[in-house]
């Protein structure tokens, strides 16, 4: 867990911790530490899960089996809060898996208050209604459809892939209603209509136009209600409208809006019962889907952090090696060649010593921006460590790879990184066509040897390396 991204997890407002199979804590984020009232610098391994959540090992093993089989779960825990009384908190739980996909522990992420409230309200309502045969059948059908949507969401790699999955599930669940799905743009504080039952899309409204977005909880309006009508509801008909937010890791991700005709024509008691059912169902469904979306969002953030250099924002060595291995496979199967370039800042250690590490970090950030601007979107740029960057040139010939490396060298030399200091770089180039056998180790070794030759010949130059060294 600690390899995956302390920066993103520590900046989260959620309580996050991870535990191994022996109930030993392997990670606790800063928000959780603050709640516990412990030293932020204390090692996570000094905490025992049994001391945090007041549960026994048998409970933990059963939970691990459930999560390993179903992919996720949620459970309410009593968390020790420093010297105060234990705090009740609902957590979404996902498995941590090893390289062979075997579960090695669990990650616990606190569920945002709006989702907690909806889930608890559904539980109270279920207890109040009782378990009539008709109600059980309705709930079983609803659960099956929601479960199917959750299964599809588990296959999504990011939130951007989830909106159609959610829309189709909501449309199936509320078949007689007109369904709209608005996706949020948090920076602009706008909602964009992405999907609707009649095929319309592209309408953009303000966050303030939707009361569900304002309150972060489900909102309903009908002709005789005392609630405010959402400004985005421009229909001239007095149709009932039900809006509910779908939450991801750091807040609302989308708004589901249902338009239901004909409720005013029903007798008062039947109308009120129908409205109550719609409100109860949309709250329960969006709460459950929000848990799944939170897991998708967190998994995507962790994956991004695991593959990204935190200083420059470009890929890291792990991601670069993975990209090279994929290119090698394509080269073997489809004869698609590629160029491999190593770029190393000349005298980078001396630059740090003379100007300080803060200046060195700024140089690396600006250098990564320069390299990104001068490469194609199909290329892969990564910081491999220190002042060394890697560049994978998909589909480039050997001559094109050399020309690109020379272009980058000149661009670096011409860029005013530090006042009164000219920054240069040495570049080692190799090409996939130069080798009978390809591997990451072979390519990296050949490019590194070429880079050392460039350094030995005075730096600030491009050298080509091949199978002969």
Protein backbone atom coordinates (compact mmCIF):
# COMPACT_ATOMS: atom_id res chain seq x y z
CA UNK A 1 0.00 0.00 0.00
CA UNK A 2 2.81 2.42 0.86
CA UNK A 3 4.28 1.99 -2.63
CA UNK A 4 1.04 3.12 -4.19
CA UNK A 5 0.87 6.80 -3.44
CA UNK A 6 1.19 8.44 -0.08
CA UNK A 7 0.66 11.90 -1.60
CA UNK A 8 -2.82 11.29 -3.01
CA UNK A 9 -4.02 9.16 -0.10
CA UNK A 10 -2.70 11.57 2.55
CA UNK A 11 -4.41 14.52 0.87
CA UNK A 12 -7.78 12.75 0.95
CA UNK A 13 -10.41 13.80 3.47
CA UNK A 14 -11.45 10.16 3.82
CA UNK A 15 -10.20 7.88 6.60
CA UNK A 16 -7.99 5.29 4.86
CA UNK A 17 -6.02 2.41 6.29
CA UNK A 18 -4.79 -0.99 5.12
CA UNK A 19 -4.16 -4.23 6.97
CA UNK A 20 -2.30 -7.44 6.14
CA UNK A 21 -3.50 -10.99 6.77
CA UNK A 22 -2.24 -10.89 10.38
CA UNK A 23 -4.36 -7.79 11.15
CA UNK A 24 -1.25 -5.63 11.19
CA UNK A 25 -1.66 -2.11 9.76
CA UNK A 26 0.42 -1.51 6.62
CA UNK A 27 -0.82 2.02 5.92
CA UNK A 28 -2.74 4.79 7.75
CA UNK A 29 -3.30 8.13 6.00
CA UNK A 30 -2.88 11.52 7.66
CA UNK A 31 -6.62 12.10 8.10
CA UNK A 32 -6.92 8.85 10.05
CA UNK A 33 -3.84 9.66 12.12
CA UNK A 34 -5.28 13.06 13.03
CA UNK A 35 -8.55 11.44 14.13
CA UNK A 36 -6.63 8.91 16.23
CA UNK A 37 -4.54 11.70 17.76
CA UNK A 38 -1.21 10.01 17.01
CA UNK A 39 2.20 11.23 15.89
CA UNK A 40 2.06 11.77 12.08
CA UNK A 41 5.59 10.37 11.76
CA UNK A 42 4.84 7.12 13.61
CA UNK A 43 5.22 3.99 11.51
CA UNK A 44 1.96 2.34 10.40
CA UNK A 45 3.32 -0.99 11.61
CA UNK A 46 3.14 0.22 15.23
CA UNK A 47 -0.66 -0.03 15.13
CA UNK A 48 -2.63 -3.25 15.47
CA UNK A 49 -5.93 -3.47 13.61
CA UNK A 50 -7.50 -5.15 16.64
CA UNK A 51 -6.71 -2.00 18.65
CA UNK A 52 -8.30 0.27 16.06
CA UNK A 53 -11.56 -1.47 15.30
CA UNK A 54 -12.28 -3.71 18.30
CA UNK A 55 -12.84 -6.89 16.29
CA UNK A 56 -11.31 -10.36 16.60
CA UNK A 57 -9.20 -12.26 14.02
CA UNK A 58 -12.10 -14.57 13.13
CA UNK A 59 -14.17 -11.59 12.02
CA UNK A 60 -11.29 -10.32 9.90
CA UNK A 61 -10.74 -13.66 8.16
CA UNK A 62 -14.45 -13.92 7.34
CA UNK A 63 -14.43 -10.38 5.96
CA UNK A 64 -11.37 -11.18 3.84
CA UNK A 65 -13.13 -14.21 2.33
CA UNK A 66 -16.23 -12.14 1.54
CA UNK A 67 -14.29 -9.33 -0.11
CA UNK A 68 -12.05 -11.76 -2.05
CA UNK A 69 -15.15 -13.46 -3.46
CA UNK A 70 -17.33 -10.40 -4.13
CA UNK A 71 -14.65 -7.79 -4.89
CA UNK A 72 -15.90 -5.26 -2.34
CA UNK A 73 -18.01 -4.87 0.80
CA UNK A 74 -18.98 -2.25 3.33
CA UNK A 75 -19.13 -2.56 7.08
CA UNK A 76 -19.68 -0.26 10.06
CA UNK A 77 -16.80 -0.23 12.55
CA UNK A 78 -16.20 1.25 15.98
CA UNK A 79 -12.93 3.18 15.60
CA UNK A 80 -10.80 4.21 18.59
CA UNK A 81 -10.56 8.02 18.55
CA UNK A 82 -7.57 8.87 20.73
CA UNK A 83 -8.64 9.11 24.36
CA UNK A 84 -12.28 9.81 23.48
CA UNK A 85 -15.18 7.43 22.96
CA UNK A 86 -15.06 5.07 19.94
CA UNK A 87 -16.42 6.56 16.72
CA UNK A 88 -18.87 4.68 14.51
CA UNK A 89 -17.86 4.85 10.84
CA UNK A 90 -19.01 3.08 7.68
CA UNK A 91 -16.13 1.80 5.49
CA UNK A 92 -15.95 0.52 1.91
CA UNK A 93 -13.50 -2.38 1.75
CA UNK A 94 -11.45 -3.68 -1.19
CA UNK A 95 -8.82 -6.43 -1.36
CA UNK A 96 -5.09 -5.84 -1.77
CA UNK A 97 -3.70 -8.50 -4.11
CA UNK A 98 -0.20 -9.76 -4.75
CA UNK A 99 1.41 -10.30 -8.14
CA UNK A 100 -0.34 -13.69 -8.43
CA UNK A 101 -3.74 -12.06 -7.62
CA UNK A 102 -3.85 -13.76 -4.19
CA UNK A 103 -5.37 -11.47 -1.49
CA UNK A 104 -2.66 -10.12 0.82
CA UNK A 105 -4.81 -7.78 2.89
CA UNK A 106 -7.64 -5.24 2.86
CA UNK A 107 -7.96 -1.50 2.20
CA UNK A 108 -10.57 0.38 4.27
CA UNK A 109 -11.90 3.74 2.94
CA UNK A 110 -14.49 5.69 4.94
CA UNK A 111 -17.78 6.22 3.13
CA UNK A 112 -18.75 9.91 2.65
CA UNK A 113 -21.56 11.10 5.00
CA UNK A 114 -24.23 11.50 2.28
CA UNK A 115 -23.81 7.86 1.24
CA UNK A 116 -23.79 6.69 4.88
CA UNK A 117 -27.01 8.56 5.52
CA UNK A 118 -28.74 7.00 2.52
CA UNK A 119 -27.63 3.47 3.39
CA UNK A 120 -28.70 3.82 7.03
CA UNK A 121 -32.04 5.34 5.99
CA UNK A 122 -32.67 2.39 3.67
CA UNK A 123 -31.95 -0.01 6.52
CA UNK A 124 -34.36 1.80 8.84
CA UNK A 125 -37.03 1.90 6.13
CA UNK A 126 -36.63 -1.82 5.42
CA UNK A 127 -37.12 -2.61 9.10
CA UNK A 128 -40.23 -0.39 9.24
CA UNK A 129 -41.85 -1.89 6.11
CA UNK A 130 -41.46 -5.48 7.14
CA UNK A 131 -40.81 -8.27 4.68
CA UNK A 132 -44.00 -8.86 2.69
CA UNK A 133 -43.68 -11.27 -0.24
CA UNK A 134 -44.29 -8.49 -2.79
CA UNK A 135 -41.78 -6.21 -1.14
CA UNK A 136 -39.18 -8.96 -0.98
CA UNK A 137 -39.68 -9.70 -4.69
CA UNK A 138 -39.31 -6.01 -5.58
CA UNK A 139 -36.18 -5.68 -3.48
CA UNK A 140 -34.69 -8.88 -4.96
CA UNK A 141 -35.22 -7.56 -8.50
CA UNK A 142 -33.75 -4.19 -7.56
CA UNK A 143 -30.78 -5.88 -5.90
CA UNK A 144 -30.14 -8.07 -8.94
CA UNK A 145 -30.12 -5.09 -11.32
CA UNK A 146 -27.94 -3.00 -9.01
CA UNK A 147 -25.56 -5.95 -8.56
CA UNK A 148 -25.27 -6.33 -12.32
CA UNK A 149 -24.34 -2.66 -12.62
CA UNK A 150 -21.77 -2.97 -9.82
CA UNK A 151 -20.18 -5.95 -11.62
CA UNK A 152 -19.82 -3.87 -14.79
CA UNK A 153 -18.40 -0.94 -12.81
CA UNK A 154 -15.69 -3.20 -11.39
CA UNK A 155 -14.39 -3.65 -14.94
CA UNK A 156 -14.07 0.12 -15.50
CA UNK A 157 -10.58 1.61 -15.30
CA UNK A 158 -11.69 5.19 -14.55
CA UNK A 159 -14.75 7.29 -13.78
CA UNK A 160 -14.88 8.50 -17.39
CA UNK A 161 -15.87 4.95 -18.42
CA UNK A 162 -18.71 4.61 -15.91
CA UNK A 163 -21.38 7.09 -16.98
CA UNK A 164 -22.96 4.93 -19.72
CA UNK A 165 -22.89 1.85 -17.43
CA UNK A 166 -24.72 3.78 -14.71
CA UNK A 167 -27.23 5.35 -17.12
CA UNK A 168 -28.23 1.99 -18.63
CA UNK A 169 -28.65 0.45 -15.17
CA UNK A 170 -30.81 3.34 -13.92
CA UNK A 171 -32.94 3.22 -17.08
CA UNK A 172 -33.51 -0.51 -16.55
CA UNK A 173 -34.42 -0.04 -12.88
CA UNK A 174 -36.77 2.91 -13.51
CA UNK A 175 -38.17 1.72 -16.83
CA UNK A 176 -41.31 3.90 -16.81
CA UNK A 177 -39.47 7.13 -16.00
CA UNK A 178 -37.56 9.48 -18.29
CA UNK A 179 -33.95 9.18 -17.12
CA UNK A 180 -31.20 11.83 -17.42
CA UNK A 181 -27.58 11.60 -16.30
CA UNK A 182 -25.59 14.81 -15.75
CA UNK A 183 -21.81 14.62 -15.23
CA UNK A 184 -20.16 17.24 -13.04
CA UNK A 185 -17.36 19.59 -14.03
CA UNK A 186 -16.07 20.57 -10.59
CA UNK A 187 -13.69 23.28 -11.74
CA UNK A 188 -16.35 25.09 -13.78
CA UNK A 189 -19.13 24.15 -11.29
CA UNK A 190 -21.30 22.98 -14.16
CA UNK A 191 -23.40 19.91 -14.99
CA UNK A 192 -23.44 18.49 -18.52
CA UNK A 193 -26.22 16.22 -19.74
CA UNK A 194 -24.39 13.14 -21.08
CA UNK A 195 -27.21 10.58 -21.38
CA UNK A 196 -31.01 10.70 -21.50
CA UNK A 197 -33.86 8.38 -22.42
CA UNK A 198 -34.75 10.45 -25.50
CA UNK A 199 -31.13 10.57 -26.72
CA UNK A 200 -30.59 14.28 -26.05
CA UNK A 201 -27.25 15.43 -24.60
CA UNK A 202 -24.91 18.40 -24.36
CA UNK A 203 -27.15 20.63 -22.24
CA UNK A 204 -25.03 22.46 -19.66
CA UNK A 205 -26.40 23.90 -16.42
CA UNK A 206 -24.89 25.32 -13.25
CA UNK A 207 -24.38 23.27 -10.08
CA UNK A 208 -26.70 25.78 -8.40
CA UNK A 209 -29.53 24.81 -10.79
CA UNK A 210 -29.91 21.40 -9.12
CA UNK A 211 -30.98 21.14 -5.49
CA UNK A 212 -29.58 17.62 -5.21
CA UNK A 213 -26.17 19.00 -6.22
CA UNK A 214 -26.49 21.85 -3.74
CA UNK A 215 -27.47 19.65 -0.81
CA UNK A 216 -25.38 16.59 -1.82
CA UNK A 217 -28.44 14.40 -1.16
CA UNK A 218 -31.55 13.20 -3.07
CA UNK A 219 -34.16 15.85 -3.84
CA UNK A 220 -37.74 15.45 -5.06
CA UNK A 221 -40.34 17.86 -6.46
CA UNK A 222 -43.96 17.34 -7.48
CA UNK A 223 -46.83 19.76 -7.97
CA UNK A 224 -48.20 19.68 -4.43
CA UNK A 225 -44.85 19.42 -2.66
CA UNK A 226 -43.31 22.19 -0.56
CA UNK A 227 -39.84 21.56 -2.02
CA UNK A 228 -38.04 23.88 -4.43
CA UNK A 229 -38.14 22.96 -8.12
CA UNK A 230 -34.73 22.53 -9.79
CA UNK A 231 -33.94 25.30 -12.28
CA UNK A 232 -32.78 22.73 -14.84
CA UNK A 233 -36.32 21.28 -14.86
CA UNK A 234 -37.73 23.43 -17.69
CA UNK A 235 -40.63 21.16 -18.57
CA UNK A 236 -43.99 22.91 -18.91
CA UNK A 237 -45.68 19.80 -17.53
CA UNK A 238 -46.10 19.29 -13.80
CA UNK A 239 -44.23 16.00 -13.91
CA UNK A 240 -42.60 14.79 -10.71
CA UNK A 241 -38.81 15.00 -10.75
CA UNK A 242 -36.41 13.04 -8.55
CA UNK A 243 -32.70 13.99 -8.54
CA UNK A 244 -29.92 12.23 -6.64
CA UNK A 245 -26.12 12.63 -6.61
CA UNK A 246 -23.72 9.80 -7.39
CA UNK A 247 -20.65 10.22 -5.21
CA UNK A 248 -17.09 9.23 -6.04
CA UNK A 249 -14.01 9.44 -3.82
CA UNK A 250 -13.93 13.22 -3.35
CA UNK A 251 -17.53 14.27 -3.86
CA UNK A 252 -20.39 14.19 -6.39
CA UNK A 253 -19.45 12.71 -9.76
CA UNK A 254 -22.84 12.85 -11.48
CA UNK A 255 -26.53 13.58 -10.95
CA UNK A 256 -29.27 11.10 -11.81
CA UNK A 257 -32.58 12.79 -12.64
CA UNK A 258 -35.92 10.98 -13.12
CA UNK A 259 -39.00 12.58 -14.67
CA UNK A 260 -42.22 10.69 -13.86
CA UNK A 261 -45.55 11.53 -15.53
CA UNK A 262 -49.04 10.68 -14.35
CA UNK A 263 -48.57 10.73 -10.57
CA UNK A 264 -50.98 13.67 -10.15
CA UNK A 265 -53.77 11.62 -11.74
CA UNK A 266 -53.59 9.00 -9.00
CA UNK A 267 -55.66 9.06 -5.79
CA UNK A 268 -53.81 10.90 -3.05
CA UNK A 269 -52.87 7.81 -1.05
CA UNK A 270 -51.61 5.93 -4.11
CA UNK A 271 -49.72 8.99 -5.35
CA UNK A 272 -48.02 9.47 -1.99
CA UNK A 273 -47.07 5.78 -1.88
CA UNK A 274 -45.61 5.93 -5.42
CA UNK A 275 -43.60 9.05 -4.58
CA UNK A 276 -42.29 7.43 -1.40
CA UNK A 277 -41.24 4.34 -3.37
CA UNK A 278 -39.39 6.42 -5.98
CA UNK A 279 -37.61 8.44 -3.28
CA UNK A 280 -36.67 5.34 -1.31
CA UNK A 281 -35.49 3.42 -4.37
CA UNK A 282 -33.39 6.17 -5.93
CA UNK A 283 -31.73 6.81 -2.56
CA UNK A 284 -30.88 3.12 -2.11
CA UNK A 285 -29.67 2.62 -5.69
CA UNK A 286 -27.48 5.74 -5.83
CA UNK A 287 -25.99 4.92 -2.43
CA UNK A 288 -24.98 1.47 -3.60
CA UNK A 289 -23.65 2.67 -6.95
CA UNK A 290 -21.77 5.46 -5.19
CA UNK A 291 -19.85 2.86 -3.21
CA UNK A 292 -18.87 1.13 -6.44
CA UNK A 293 -17.92 4.45 -8.06
CA UNK A 294 -15.82 5.37 -5.03
CA UNK A 295 -13.91 2.10 -5.44
CA UNK A 296 -13.39 2.75 -9.18
CA UNK A 297 -12.16 6.27 -8.44
CA UNK A 298 -9.81 5.18 -5.68
CA UNK A 299 -8.43 2.29 -7.73
CA UNK A 300 -7.80 4.63 -10.68
CA UNK A 301 -6.06 7.16 -8.42
CA UNK A 302 -3.87 4.47 -6.91
CA UNK A 303 -3.01 3.07 -10.33
CA UNK A 304 -2.20 6.56 -11.64
CA UNK A 305 -0.05 7.32 -8.61
CA UNK A 306 1.75 3.99 -8.90
CA UNK A 307 2.72 4.79 -12.51
CA UNK A 308 3.42 8.53 -12.25
CA UNK A 309 6.50 10.47 -11.14
CA UNK A 310 5.19 12.75 -8.35
CA UNK A 311 7.57 15.63 -9.16
CA UNK A 312 7.11 16.00 -12.91
CA UNK A 313 3.75 14.33 -13.53
CA UNK A 314 5.11 12.14 -16.35
CA UNK A 315 5.30 8.36 -16.15
CA UNK A 316 7.78 6.74 -13.78
CA UNK A 317 10.26 3.94 -14.43
CA UNK A 318 7.74 1.19 -13.68
CA UNK A 319 5.25 2.57 -16.22
CA UNK A 320 7.98 3.11 -18.82
CA UNK A 321 9.25 -0.44 -18.50
CA UNK A 322 5.68 -1.74 -18.85
CA UNK A 323 5.21 0.35 -22.03
CA UNK A 324 8.48 -0.93 -23.49
CA UNK A 325 7.50 -4.54 -22.80
CA UNK A 326 4.17 -3.97 -24.62
CA UNK A 327 6.00 -2.46 -27.58
CA UNK A 328 8.35 -5.44 -27.69
CA UNK A 329 5.34 -7.78 -27.86
CA UNK A 330 3.82 -5.74 -30.71
CA UNK A 331 7.17 -5.70 -32.50
CA UNK A 332 7.41 -9.50 -32.35
CA UNK A 333 3.85 -10.08 -33.43
CA UNK A 334 3.31 -7.33 -36.01
CA UNK A 335 6.86 -6.18 -36.91
CA UNK A 336 6.13 -2.69 -35.54
CA UNK A 337 9.51 -1.15 -34.74
CA UNK A 338 10.22 1.64 -32.27
CA UNK A 339 12.97 3.92 -31.03
CA UNK A 340 14.31 3.94 -27.47
CA UNK A 341 15.98 7.11 -26.13
CA UNK A 342 17.65 7.87 -22.80
CA UNK A 343 18.07 11.55 -21.90
CA UNK A 344 20.36 12.53 -19.02
CA UNK A 345 20.92 16.09 -17.79
CA UNK A 346 24.64 16.95 -17.90
CA UNK A 347 26.24 17.90 -14.56
CA UNK A 348 22.92 17.55 -12.73
CA UNK A 349 24.61 16.78 -9.40
CA UNK A 350 26.72 19.94 -9.68
CA UNK A 351 23.57 21.94 -10.53
CA UNK A 352 21.91 20.69 -7.33
CA UNK A 353 25.02 21.44 -5.28
CA UNK A 354 25.39 24.95 -6.70
CA UNK A 355 21.76 26.11 -6.84
CA UNK A 356 20.05 23.81 -4.33
CA UNK A 357 17.63 20.91 -4.71
CA UNK A 358 14.62 23.21 -5.07
CA UNK A 359 16.19 24.72 -8.19
CA UNK A 360 17.03 21.21 -9.41
CA UNK A 361 13.40 20.16 -8.99
CA UNK A 362 12.23 23.19 -10.99
CA UNK A 363 14.66 22.29 -13.76
CA UNK A 364 13.30 18.74 -13.92
CA UNK A 365 9.70 19.99 -13.99
CA UNK A 366 10.40 22.46 -16.79
CA UNK A 367 12.44 19.86 -18.67
CA UNK A 368 9.57 17.36 -18.54
CA UNK A 369 7.21 20.09 -19.85
CA UNK A 370 9.62 20.83 -22.71
CA UNK A 371 10.00 17.15 -23.63
CA UNK A 372 6.23 16.64 -23.49
CA UNK A 373 5.66 19.55 -25.87
CA UNK A 374 8.24 18.24 -28.35
CA UNK A 375 6.97 14.64 -28.49
CA UNK A 376 3.86 13.06 -29.99
CA UNK A 377 0.90 11.85 -27.96
CA UNK A 378 1.68 8.33 -29.21
CA UNK A 379 5.15 8.50 -27.62
CA UNK A 380 5.83 7.56 -24.00
CA UNK A 381 7.89 9.89 -21.81
CA UNK A 382 9.03 8.94 -18.31
CA UNK A 383 11.38 10.11 -15.60
CA UNK A 384 13.55 7.14 -14.67
CA UNK A 385 15.29 8.75 -11.69
CA UNK A 386 17.52 11.74 -10.90
CA UNK A 387 18.07 13.71 -14.09
CA UNK A 388 17.41 10.74 -16.40
CA UNK A 389 14.38 10.49 -18.68
CA UNK A 390 13.26 7.75 -21.07
CA UNK A 391 11.42 8.21 -24.36
CA UNK A 392 9.68 5.48 -26.36
CA UNK A 393 9.08 6.47 -30.00
CA UNK A 394 6.36 4.18 -31.37
CA UNK A 395 6.63 3.42 -35.09
CA UNK A 396 9.78 5.50 -35.56
CA UNK A 397 12.62 4.32 -37.81
CA UNK A 398 16.21 4.44 -36.57
CA UNK A 399 16.88 7.64 -38.53
CA UNK A 400 13.71 9.26 -37.17
CA UNK A 401 14.71 8.33 -33.61
CA UNK A 402 18.15 9.95 -34.07
CA UNK A 403 16.61 13.09 -35.61
CA UNK A 404 14.12 13.38 -32.74
CA UNK A 405 16.90 12.94 -30.16
CA UNK A 406 18.96 15.69 -31.86
CA UNK A 407 15.90 17.96 -31.92
CA UNK A 408 15.40 17.41 -28.18
CA UNK A 409 19.08 18.05 -27.46
CA UNK A 410 18.96 21.40 -29.27
CA UNK A 411 15.71 22.33 -27.57
CA UNK A 412 17.17 21.65 -24.12
CA UNK A 413 20.32 23.66 -24.89
CA UNK A 414 18.24 26.64 -26.11
CA UNK A 415 15.86 26.67 -23.14
CA UNK A 416 16.75 29.24 -20.39
CA UNK A 417 16.27 26.95 -17.39
CA UNK A 418 18.50 28.87 -14.95
CA UNK A 419 19.81 32.43 -15.30
CA UNK A 420 23.40 32.60 -16.54
CA UNK A 421 23.55 28.81 -16.83
CA UNK A 422 23.20 26.80 -20.04
CA UNK A 423 21.65 23.42 -19.42
CA UNK A 424 22.61 20.56 -21.72
CA UNK A 425 21.82 16.88 -21.93
CA UNK A 426 23.41 13.76 -23.37
CA UNK A 427 21.22 11.26 -25.21
CA UNK A 428 21.65 7.57 -25.96
CA UNK A 429 19.53 6.11 -28.76
CA UNK A 430 18.82 2.54 -29.78
CA UNK A 431 16.28 0.92 -32.09
CA UNK A 432 14.30 -2.30 -31.95
CA UNK A 433 15.42 -3.34 -35.44
CA UNK A 434 19.04 -3.59 -34.25
CA UNK A 435 18.43 -6.74 -32.20
CA UNK A 436 17.55 -10.35 -32.95
CA UNK A 437 16.23 -10.75 -29.39
CA UNK A 438 14.44 -7.95 -27.58
CA UNK A 439 13.92 -7.33 -23.88
CA UNK A 440 13.78 -4.34 -21.55
CA UNK A 441 17.23 -5.21 -20.20
CA UNK A 442 18.78 -5.42 -23.69
CA UNK A 443 17.29 -2.11 -24.89
CA UNK A 444 18.04 -0.23 -21.69
CA UNK A 445 21.58 -1.59 -21.61
CA UNK A 446 22.28 -0.57 -25.22
CA UNK A 447 20.87 2.93 -24.73
CA UNK A 448 22.82 3.33 -21.47
CA UNK A 449 26.10 2.36 -23.15
CA UNK A 450 25.42 4.88 -25.92
CA UNK A 451 24.67 7.50 -23.26
CA UNK A 452 27.99 6.82 -21.51
CA UNK A 453 29.79 7.22 -24.84
CA UNK A 454 28.08 10.61 -25.30
CA UNK A 455 29.20 11.65 -21.81
CA UNK A 456 32.76 10.46 -22.51
CA UNK A 457 32.99 12.44 -25.74
CA UNK A 458 32.23 15.73 -24.03
CA UNK A 459 28.49 15.59 -23.28
CA UNK A 460 25.71 17.56 -25.02
CA UNK A 461 25.49 15.09 -27.90
CA UNK A 462 23.49 12.17 -29.29
CA UNK A 463 25.01 8.71 -29.70
CA UNK A 464 23.52 5.57 -31.27
CA UNK A 465 23.86 2.18 -29.62
CA UNK A 466 23.07 -1.28 -30.99
CA UNK A 467 23.60 -4.96 -30.40
CA UNK A 468 27.34 -4.51 -30.79
CA UNK A 469 27.56 -2.08 -27.84
